[in-house]
Amino acid sequence: MTPEDWPGVRSAYLEGIATGQATFEETAPEEYAAWSASRLATCRLVTHPTGDASDVLGWAALSPVSSRPVYCGVAEVGIYVAARARGQGVGRALMGALVAASEAEGIWTLQSAVFPENAATLALHAAFGFREVGRRERIGKHRGVWRDTLLLERRSRLPELNA
């Protein structure tokens, strides 16, 4: 992913936000730099069906869970698929590539907070070995309604990341 991808990435992000099931966020930053500042510099993926940077089918990126050094190998997943590409395997391709890229970067744990009603995202995570480790009840208000999230976690199966 590069700054040139931002218009398409932002568009897919806004489409996810519009569903009301993807995030507590209500809008996406206008500028790539603002979005980028809260993400890891590595493990940023984007899919282009035509090679045109503005034509994005989906994206995935990781955010740090903490600035403390002990958590350097733990990251939070962000994955969004454009409305026109949902149900076509884009999410599966992105998640597979994201897991591989994260392990190549030495990340041993991926986590994700998902609304319990988001069945498609829960199924995607389960397909890649994420497990539910807890439910955060009434963790935040979303559009005026208290919402729960399920905390999902995936530990790398690579021996070198679990030694």
N, C-alpha and C. Protein backbone atom coordinates (compact mmCIF):
# COMPACT_ATOMS: atom_id res chain seq x y z
N MET A 1 0.85 -1.18 0.00
CA MET A 1 0.00 0.00 0.00
C MET A 1 0.89 1.24 0.00
N THR A 2 0.49 2.19 -0.82
CA THR A 2 1.24 3.43 -0.92
C THR A 2 0.26 4.60 -0.74
N PRO A 3 0.77 5.80 -0.56
CA PRO A 3 -0.13 6.96 -0.47
C PRO A 3 -1.04 7.11 -1.69
N GLU A 4 -0.58 6.64 -2.85
CA GLU A 4 -1.40 6.73 -4.06
C GLU A 4 -2.64 5.85 -3.97
N ASP A 5 -2.59 4.81 -3.14
CA ASP A 5 -3.73 3.92 -2.95
C ASP A 5 -4.82 4.54 -2.06
N TRP A 6 -4.48 5.60 -1.35
CA TRP A 6 -5.37 6.12 -0.31
C TRP A 6 -6.79 6.41 -0.78
N PRO A 7 -7.03 7.04 -1.91
CA PRO A 7 -8.43 7.29 -2.28
C PRO A 7 -9.27 6.02 -2.35
N GLY A 8 -8.73 4.96 -2.95
CA GLY A 8 -9.46 3.70 -3.02
C GLY A 8 -9.56 3.01 -1.68
N VAL A 9 -8.49 3.06 -0.90
CA VAL A 9 -8.50 2.47 0.45
C VAL A 9 -9.53 3.19 1.30
N ARG A 10 -9.52 4.51 1.24
CA ARG A 10 -10.48 5.30 2.02
C ARG A 10 -11.92 4.98 1.60
N SER A 11 -12.14 4.82 0.32
CA SER A 11 -13.48 4.50 -0.18
C SER A 11 -13.97 3.16 0.38
N ALA A 12 -13.12 2.14 0.34
CA ALA A 12 -13.50 0.83 0.90
C ALA A 12 -13.73 0.94 2.40
N TYR A 13 -12.91 1.72 3.08
CA TYR A 13 -13.06 1.95 4.52
C TYR A 13 -14.41 2.61 4.81
N LEU A 14 -14.74 3.64 4.05
CA LEU A 14 -16.02 4.33 4.24
C LEU A 14 -17.21 3.40 3.98
N GLU A 15 -17.08 2.51 3.00
CA GLU A 15 -18.15 1.54 2.73
C GLU A 15 -18.32 0.59 3.91
N GLY A 16 -17.21 0.19 4.53
CA GLY A 16 -17.30 -0.64 5.73
C GLY A 16 -17.94 0.10 6.88
N ILE A 17 -17.54 1.34 7.07
CA ILE A 17 -18.12 2.18 8.12
C ILE A 17 -19.63 2.31 7.92
N ALA A 18 -20.06 2.48 6.68
CA ALA A 18 -21.48 2.68 6.37
C ALA A 18 -22.34 1.48 6.76
N THR A 19 -21.76 0.28 6.83
CA THR A 19 -22.55 -0.90 7.21
C THR A 19 -22.99 -0.84 8.66
N GLY A 20 -22.27 -0.09 9.49
CA GLY A 20 -22.56 -0.05 10.92
C GLY A 20 -22.10 -1.29 11.67
N GLN A 21 -21.42 -2.20 10.98
CA GLN A 21 -20.98 -3.45 11.61
C GLN A 21 -19.47 -3.66 11.59
N ALA A 22 -18.73 -2.69 11.08
CA ALA A 22 -17.29 -2.90 10.88
C ALA A 22 -16.41 -2.23 11.93
N THR A 23 -16.86 -1.12 12.49
CA THR A 23 -15.99 -0.34 13.36
C THR A 23 -16.81 0.67 14.15
N PHE A 24 -16.25 1.16 15.22
CA PHE A 24 -16.86 2.25 15.97
C PHE A 24 -16.65 3.59 15.25
N GLU A 25 -15.68 3.64 14.34
CA GLU A 25 -15.40 4.88 13.62
C GLU A 25 -16.62 5.33 12.84
N GLU A 26 -16.77 6.63 12.70
CA GLU A 26 -17.88 7.20 11.93
C GLU A 26 -17.43 7.79 10.61
N THR A 27 -16.12 7.99 10.46
CA THR A 27 -15.58 8.51 9.21
C THR A 27 -14.12 8.07 9.10
N ALA A 28 -13.58 8.24 7.92
CA ALA A 28 -12.17 7.93 7.69
C ALA A 28 -11.41 9.25 7.54
N PRO A 29 -10.16 9.27 7.93
CA PRO A 29 -9.38 10.50 7.76
C PRO A 29 -9.36 10.94 6.30
N GLU A 30 -9.24 12.22 6.10
CA GLU A 30 -9.13 12.75 4.74
C GLU A 30 -7.77 12.42 4.12
N GLU A 31 -6.73 12.46 4.96
CA GLU A 31 -5.36 12.31 4.47
C GLU A 31 -4.76 10.97 4.85
N TYR A 32 -3.97 10.43 3.94
CA TYR A 32 -3.26 9.18 4.18
C TYR A 32 -2.37 9.25 5.41
N ALA A 33 -1.68 10.37 5.59
CA ALA A 33 -0.74 10.50 6.71
C ALA A 33 -1.45 10.32 8.05
N ALA A 34 -2.66 10.83 8.19
CA ALA A 34 -3.40 10.68 9.45
C ALA A 34 -3.77 9.22 9.68
N TRP A 35 -4.19 8.53 8.63
CA TRP A 35 -4.52 7.11 8.75
C TRP A 35 -3.26 6.30 9.05
N SER A 36 -2.21 6.61 8.33
CA SER A 36 -0.95 5.87 8.42
C SER A 36 -0.31 5.97 9.81
N ALA A 37 -0.48 7.09 10.47
CA ALA A 37 0.18 7.34 11.76
C ALA A 37 -0.20 6.32 12.82
N SER A 38 -1.37 5.72 12.71
CA SER A 38 -1.80 4.76 13.74
C SER A 38 -1.65 3.31 13.30
N ARG A 39 -0.95 3.07 12.19
CA ARG A 39 -0.75 1.72 11.68
C ARG A 39 0.74 1.37 11.68
N LEU A 40 1.03 0.07 11.70
CA LEU A 40 2.41 -0.36 11.53
C LEU A 40 2.88 -0.01 10.13
N ALA A 41 4.15 0.25 9.99
CA ALA A 41 4.70 0.62 8.68
C ALA A 41 4.75 -0.57 7.73
N THR A 42 4.74 -1.78 8.27
CA THR A 42 4.77 -2.99 7.46
C THR A 42 3.38 -3.63 7.45
N CYS A 43 3.25 -4.65 6.66
CA CYS A 43 2.00 -5.44 6.61
C CYS A 43 0.80 -4.60 6.18
N ARG A 44 0.97 -3.82 5.15
CA ARG A 44 -0.13 -3.04 4.57
C ARG A 44 -0.38 -3.60 3.18
N LEU A 45 -1.56 -4.12 2.97
CA LEU A 45 -1.87 -4.80 1.73
C LEU A 45 -3.08 -4.17 1.06
N VAL A 46 -3.07 -4.20 -0.27
CA VAL A 46 -4.20 -3.66 -1.03
C VAL A 46 -4.36 -4.49 -2.29
N THR A 47 -5.60 -4.63 -2.75
CA THR A 47 -5.86 -5.36 -3.99
C THR A 47 -6.41 -4.40 -5.03
N HIS A 48 -5.86 -4.51 -6.23
CA HIS A 48 -6.29 -3.69 -7.38
C HIS A 48 -6.69 -4.62 -8.52
N PRO A 49 -7.93 -4.57 -8.96
CA PRO A 49 -8.32 -5.46 -10.06
C PRO A 49 -7.76 -5.02 -11.41
N THR A 50 -7.49 -3.74 -11.56
CA THR A 50 -7.07 -3.21 -12.86
C THR A 50 -5.65 -2.67 -12.87
N GLY A 51 -5.00 -2.65 -11.72
CA GLY A 51 -3.67 -2.04 -11.63
C GLY A 51 -3.73 -0.55 -11.38
N ASP A 52 -4.93 0.01 -11.40
CA ASP A 52 -5.14 1.44 -11.11
C ASP A 52 -5.18 1.62 -9.59
N ALA A 53 -4.30 2.44 -9.05
CA ALA A 53 -4.19 2.61 -7.59
C ALA A 53 -5.49 3.08 -6.96
N SER A 54 -6.32 3.79 -7.72
CA SER A 54 -7.57 4.27 -7.12
C SER A 54 -8.67 3.21 -7.14
N ASP A 55 -8.45 2.12 -7.86
CA ASP A 55 -9.44 1.05 -7.97
C ASP A 55 -9.07 -0.05 -6.96
N VAL A 56 -9.64 0.02 -5.78
CA VAL A 56 -9.29 -0.88 -4.69
C VAL A 56 -10.46 -1.81 -4.39
N LEU A 57 -10.18 -3.12 -4.38
CA LEU A 57 -11.20 -4.10 -3.98
C LEU A 57 -11.19 -4.33 -2.48
N GLY A 58 -10.03 -4.15 -1.86
CA GLY A 58 -9.93 -4.34 -0.42
C GLY A 58 -8.54 -4.02 0.07
N TRP A 59 -8.45 -3.94 1.39
CA TRP A 59 -7.15 -3.66 2.00
C TRP A 59 -7.09 -4.29 3.38
N ALA A 60 -5.87 -4.46 3.85
CA ALA A 60 -5.63 -4.97 5.19
C ALA A 60 -4.39 -4.28 5.74
N ALA A 61 -4.41 -4.01 7.03
CA ALA A 61 -3.26 -3.38 7.68
C ALA A 61 -3.28 -3.76 9.15
N LEU A 62 -2.15 -3.58 9.79
CA LEU A 62 -2.02 -3.88 11.21
C LEU A 62 -1.75 -2.61 12.00
N SER A 63 -2.28 -2.58 13.20
CA SER A 63 -2.03 -1.49 14.15
C SER A 63 -1.35 -2.07 15.38
N PRO A 64 -0.45 -1.32 15.97
CA PRO A 64 0.16 -1.81 17.22
C PRO A 64 -0.89 -1.81 18.33
N VAL A 65 -0.78 -2.77 19.24
CA VAL A 65 -1.70 -2.79 20.38
C VAL A 65 -1.15 -2.00 21.55
N SER A 66 0.14 -1.74 21.54
CA SER A 66 0.78 -1.00 22.63
C SER A 66 2.13 -0.49 22.14
N SER A 67 2.60 0.57 22.77
CA SER A 67 3.94 1.07 22.46
C SER A 67 5.00 0.41 23.34
N ARG A 68 4.57 -0.39 24.30
CA ARG A 68 5.53 -1.08 25.18
C ARG A 68 6.28 -2.16 24.41
N PRO A 69 7.59 -2.24 24.55
CA PRO A 69 8.39 -3.21 23.78
C PRO A 69 7.93 -4.66 23.92
N VAL A 70 7.42 -5.05 25.08
CA VAL A 70 7.01 -6.43 25.29
C VAL A 70 5.90 -6.85 24.31
N TYR A 71 5.15 -5.89 23.79
CA TYR A 71 4.05 -6.20 22.88
C TYR A 71 4.41 -5.96 21.41
N CYS A 72 5.69 -5.89 21.09
CA CYS A 72 6.10 -5.60 19.72
C CYS A 72 5.66 -6.67 18.73
N GLY A 73 5.35 -7.84 19.18
CA GLY A 73 4.91 -8.93 18.31
C GLY A 73 3.42 -9.17 18.34
N VAL A 74 2.67 -8.19 18.81
CA VAL A 74 1.21 -8.30 18.88
C VAL A 74 0.62 -7.14 18.10
N ALA A 75 -0.29 -7.44 17.19
CA ALA A 75 -0.87 -6.38 16.35
C ALA A 75 -2.37 -6.63 16.15
N GLU A 76 -3.07 -5.54 15.89
CA GLU A 76 -4.51 -5.62 15.65
C GLU A 76 -4.79 -5.54 14.15
N VAL A 77 -5.68 -6.42 13.70
CA VAL A 77 -6.03 -6.53 12.29
C VAL A 77 -7.09 -5.50 11.92
N GLY A 78 -6.88 -4.88 10.78
CA GLY A 78 -7.90 -4.08 10.11
C GLY A 78 -8.02 -4.61 8.70
N ILE A 79 -9.22 -5.02 8.30
CA ILE A 79 -9.42 -5.58 6.96
C ILE A 79 -10.77 -5.12 6.44
N TYR A 80 -10.77 -4.57 5.25
CA TYR A 80 -11.99 -4.01 4.65
C TYR A 80 -12.07 -4.42 3.19
N VAL A 81 -13.26 -4.78 2.76
CA VAL A 81 -13.50 -5.17 1.38
C VAL A 81 -14.55 -4.23 0.80
N ALA A 82 -14.27 -3.71 -0.39
CA ALA A 82 -15.22 -2.81 -1.07
C ALA A 82 -16.56 -3.53 -1.26
N ALA A 83 -17.63 -2.80 -1.19
CA ALA A 83 -18.97 -3.39 -1.28
C ALA A 83 -19.12 -4.24 -2.54
N ARG A 84 -18.60 -3.79 -3.66
CA ARG A 84 -18.77 -4.51 -4.92
C ARG A 84 -17.99 -5.82 -4.97
N ALA A 85 -17.06 -6.02 -4.03
CA ALA A 85 -16.20 -7.21 -4.05
C ALA A 85 -16.50 -8.19 -2.92
N ARG A 86 -17.47 -7.88 -2.09
CA ARG A 86 -17.78 -8.77 -0.96
C ARG A 86 -18.32 -10.10 -1.46
N GLY A 87 -17.94 -11.17 -0.75
CA GLY A 87 -18.39 -12.50 -1.09
C GLY A 87 -17.66 -13.13 -2.28
N GLN A 88 -16.56 -12.52 -2.71
CA GLN A 88 -15.82 -13.01 -3.87
C GLN A 88 -14.43 -13.54 -3.51
N GLY A 89 -14.14 -13.70 -2.24
CA GLY A 89 -12.84 -14.24 -1.82
C GLY A 89 -11.76 -13.21 -1.59
N VAL A 90 -12.10 -11.94 -1.73
CA VAL A 90 -11.10 -10.87 -1.52
C VAL A 90 -10.63 -10.87 -0.07
N GLY A 91 -11.56 -10.97 0.87
CA GLY A 91 -11.20 -11.00 2.29
C GLY A 91 -10.30 -12.18 2.63
N ARG A 92 -10.62 -13.35 2.08
CA ARG A 92 -9.80 -14.55 2.32
C ARG A 92 -8.38 -14.35 1.78
N ALA A 93 -8.28 -13.80 0.58
CA ALA A 93 -6.96 -13.57 0.00
C ALA A 93 -6.16 -12.57 0.83
N LEU A 94 -6.81 -11.51 1.25
CA LEU A 94 -6.13 -10.50 2.06
C LEU A 94 -5.71 -11.07 3.41
N MET A 95 -6.60 -11.81 4.07
CA MET A 95 -6.27 -12.35 5.39
C MET A 95 -5.11 -13.35 5.28
N GLY A 96 -5.14 -14.20 4.26
CA GLY A 96 -4.03 -15.15 4.08
C GLY A 96 -2.71 -14.43 3.89
N ALA A 97 -2.71 -13.41 3.06
CA ALA A 97 -1.49 -12.64 2.82
C ALA A 97 -1.06 -11.87 4.07
N LEU A 98 -2.04 -11.36 4.82
CA LEU A 98 -1.73 -10.61 6.03
C LEU A 98 -1.11 -11.51 7.10
N VAL A 99 -1.64 -12.71 7.27
CA VAL A 99 -1.07 -13.65 8.23
C VAL A 99 0.37 -13.97 7.84
N ALA A 100 0.60 -14.27 6.56
CA ALA A 100 1.96 -14.58 6.11
C ALA A 100 2.90 -13.39 6.30
N ALA A 101 2.45 -12.21 5.93
CA ALA A 101 3.29 -11.01 6.08
C ALA A 101 3.60 -10.72 7.55
N SER A 102 2.61 -10.91 8.40
CA SER A 102 2.83 -10.64 9.83
C SER A 102 3.86 -11.59 10.42
N GLU A 103 3.77 -12.86 10.04
CA GLU A 103 4.74 -13.83 10.55
C GLU A 103 6.13 -13.54 10.01
N ALA A 104 6.22 -13.10 8.77
CA ALA A 104 7.52 -12.74 8.20
C ALA A 104 8.14 -11.55 8.95
N GLU A 105 7.30 -10.73 9.55
CA GLU A 105 7.75 -9.57 10.33
C GLU A 105 7.98 -9.91 11.81
N GLY A 106 7.79 -11.18 12.19
CA GLY A 106 8.02 -11.60 13.56
C GLY A 106 6.85 -11.35 14.50
N ILE A 107 5.69 -11.13 13.96
CA ILE A 107 4.50 -10.90 14.80
C ILE A 107 3.92 -12.25 15.18
N TRP A 108 3.82 -12.51 16.48
CA TRP A 108 3.38 -13.80 16.96
C TRP A 108 1.89 -13.86 17.31
N THR A 109 1.27 -12.71 17.52
CA THR A 109 -0.16 -12.70 17.85
C THR A 109 -0.87 -11.61 17.07
N LEU A 110 -1.96 -12.02 16.42
CA LEU A 110 -2.87 -11.08 15.78
C LEU A 110 -4.14 -11.05 16.60
N GLN A 111 -4.70 -9.88 16.77
CA GLN A 111 -5.97 -9.79 17.48
C GLN A 111 -6.92 -8.91 16.69
N SER A 112 -8.20 -9.06 16.99
CA SER A 112 -9.22 -8.29 16.32
C SER A 112 -10.41 -8.15 17.25
N ALA A 113 -11.04 -6.99 17.23
CA ALA A 113 -12.27 -6.76 17.98
C ALA A 113 -13.39 -6.64 16.96
N VAL A 114 -14.38 -7.54 17.06
CA VAL A 114 -15.42 -7.64 16.05
C VAL A 114 -16.78 -7.55 16.72
N PHE A 115 -17.70 -6.79 16.11
CA PHE A 115 -19.07 -6.77 16.62
C PHE A 115 -19.65 -8.18 16.48
N PRO A 116 -20.34 -8.69 17.51
CA PRO A 116 -20.89 -10.06 17.45
C PRO A 116 -21.85 -10.28 16.29
N GLU A 117 -22.47 -9.22 15.81
CA GLU A 117 -23.43 -9.32 14.72
C GLU A 117 -22.76 -9.46 13.35
N ASN A 118 -21.46 -9.25 13.27
CA ASN A 118 -20.74 -9.27 11.99
C ASN A 118 -20.32 -10.70 11.65
N ALA A 119 -21.29 -11.49 11.21
CA ALA A 119 -21.07 -12.92 10.96
C ALA A 119 -20.00 -13.17 9.91
N ALA A 120 -19.97 -12.38 8.85
CA ALA A 120 -18.99 -12.61 7.78
C ALA A 120 -17.56 -12.42 8.29
N THR A 121 -17.33 -11.39 9.06
CA THR A 121 -15.99 -11.14 9.59
C THR A 121 -15.60 -12.20 10.62
N LEU A 122 -16.54 -12.61 11.44
CA LEU A 122 -16.25 -13.68 12.40
C LEU A 122 -15.88 -14.97 11.67
N ALA A 123 -16.60 -15.31 10.61
CA ALA A 123 -16.30 -16.53 9.84
C ALA A 123 -14.93 -16.42 9.17
N LEU A 124 -14.61 -15.26 8.63
CA LEU A 124 -13.31 -15.06 8.00
C LEU A 124 -12.19 -15.29 9.01
N HIS A 125 -12.30 -14.69 10.17
CA HIS A 125 -11.26 -14.86 11.19
C HIS A 125 -11.16 -16.32 11.64
N ALA A 126 -12.29 -16.97 11.85
CA ALA A 126 -12.28 -18.37 12.27
C ALA A 126 -11.57 -19.25 11.23
N ALA A 127 -11.76 -18.96 9.96
CA ALA A 127 -11.14 -19.73 8.89
C ALA A 127 -9.62 -19.65 8.93
N PHE A 128 -9.08 -18.63 9.58
CA PHE A 128 -7.63 -18.46 9.68
C PHE A 128 -7.10 -18.73 11.08
N GLY A 129 -7.89 -19.43 11.88
CA GLY A 129 -7.41 -19.87 13.18
C GLY A 129 -7.56 -18.89 14.32
N PHE A 130 -8.32 -17.82 14.13
CA PHE A 130 -8.60 -16.92 15.24
C PHE A 130 -9.60 -17.61 16.17
N ARG A 131 -9.46 -17.38 17.45
CA ARG A 131 -10.41 -17.91 18.43
C ARG A 131 -10.92 -16.78 19.29
N GLU A 132 -12.12 -16.95 19.78
CA GLU A 132 -12.69 -15.95 20.67
C GLU A 132 -12.05 -16.10 22.05
N VAL A 133 -11.50 -15.01 22.56
CA VAL A 133 -10.89 -15.05 23.88
C VAL A 133 -11.69 -14.24 24.90
N GLY A 134 -12.70 -13.53 24.43
CA GLY A 134 -13.52 -12.79 25.39
C GLY A 134 -14.54 -11.91 24.70
N ARG A 135 -15.48 -11.49 25.50
CA ARG A 135 -16.52 -10.57 25.04
C ARG A 135 -16.42 -9.32 25.90
N ARG A 136 -16.30 -8.18 25.25
CA ARG A 136 -16.25 -6.91 25.97
C ARG A 136 -17.65 -6.31 25.87
N GLU A 137 -18.37 -6.39 26.97
CA GLU A 137 -19.77 -5.96 26.99
C GLU A 137 -19.87 -4.44 27.12
N ARG A 138 -20.76 -3.89 26.30
CA ARG A 138 -21.01 -2.45 26.35
C ARG A 138 -19.71 -1.66 26.40
N ILE A 139 -18.80 -2.01 25.52
CA ILE A 139 -17.46 -1.40 25.51
C ILE A 139 -17.48 0.03 24.97
N GLY A 140 -18.46 0.32 24.13
CA GLY A 140 -18.54 1.66 23.57
C GLY A 140 -19.89 1.91 22.93
N LYS A 141 -20.23 3.20 22.83
CA LYS A 141 -21.47 3.57 22.15
C LYS A 141 -21.19 3.77 20.67
N HIS A 142 -22.07 3.22 19.88
CA HIS A 142 -21.97 3.33 18.43
C HIS A 142 -23.31 3.78 17.90
N ARG A 143 -23.32 4.97 17.35
CA ARG A 143 -24.56 5.55 16.83
C ARG A 143 -25.65 5.57 17.90
N GLY A 144 -25.20 5.91 19.13
CA GLY A 144 -26.11 6.08 20.25
C GLY A 144 -26.51 4.81 20.98
N VAL A 145 -25.95 3.67 20.57
CA VAL A 145 -26.31 2.38 21.18
C VAL A 145 -25.05 1.72 21.74
N TRP A 146 -25.15 1.22 22.98
CA TRP A 146 -24.03 0.48 23.56
C TRP A 146 -23.82 -0.79 22.74
N ARG A 147 -22.55 -1.08 22.41
CA ARG A 147 -22.21 -2.26 21.62
C ARG A 147 -21.19 -3.11 22.35
N ASP A 148 -21.29 -4.40 22.15
CA ASP A 148 -20.29 -5.36 22.59
C ASP A 148 -19.31 -5.59 21.45
N THR A 149 -18.12 -6.06 21.79
CA THR A 149 -17.20 -6.60 20.80
C THR A 149 -16.69 -7.94 21.29
N LEU A 150 -16.37 -8.79 20.34
CA LEU A 150 -15.71 -10.06 20.64
C LEU A 150 -14.23 -9.87 20.38
N LEU A 151 -13.41 -10.25 21.33
CA LEU A 151 -11.97 -10.17 21.16
C LEU A 151 -11.50 -11.50 20.59
N LEU A 152 -10.92 -11.44 19.40
CA LEU A 152 -10.42 -12.62 18.71
C LEU A 152 -8.90 -12.57 18.70
N GLU A 153 -8.29 -13.76 18.71
CA GLU A 153 -6.83 -13.83 18.76
C GLU A 153 -6.35 -15.00 17.92
N ARG A 154 -5.23 -14.79 17.26
CA ARG A 154 -4.56 -15.86 16.51
C ARG A 154 -3.09 -15.86 16.89
N ARG A 155 -2.63 -16.98 17.42
CA ARG A 155 -1.20 -17.16 17.69
C ARG A 155 -0.56 -17.81 16.49
N SER A 156 0.60 -17.32 16.12
CA SER A 156 1.35 -17.95 15.03
C SER A 156 1.65 -19.39 15.39
N ARG A 157 1.65 -20.22 14.39
CA ARG A 157 2.00 -21.63 14.59
C ARG A 157 3.47 -21.89 14.26
N LEU A 158 4.19 -20.85 13.88
CA LEU A 158 5.60 -21.00 13.54
C LEU A 158 6.42 -21.22 14.82
N PRO A 159 7.19 -22.29 14.87
CA PRO A 159 7.96 -22.58 16.09
C PRO A 159 8.89 -21.44 16.48
N GLU A 160 9.50 -20.78 15.52
CA GLU A 160 10.44 -19.70 15.84
C GLU A 160 9.77 -18.49 16.47
N LEU A 161 8.45 -18.35 16.30
CA LEU A 161 7.74 -17.25 16.92
C LEU A 161 7.11 -17.64 18.25
N ASN A 162 7.25 -18.89 18.63
CA ASN A 162 6.68 -19.37 19.88
C ASN A 162 7.72 -19.97 20.81
N ALA A 163 8.98 -19.77 20.48
CA ALA A 163 10.06 -20.34 21.31
C ALA A 163 10.28 -19.53 22.56
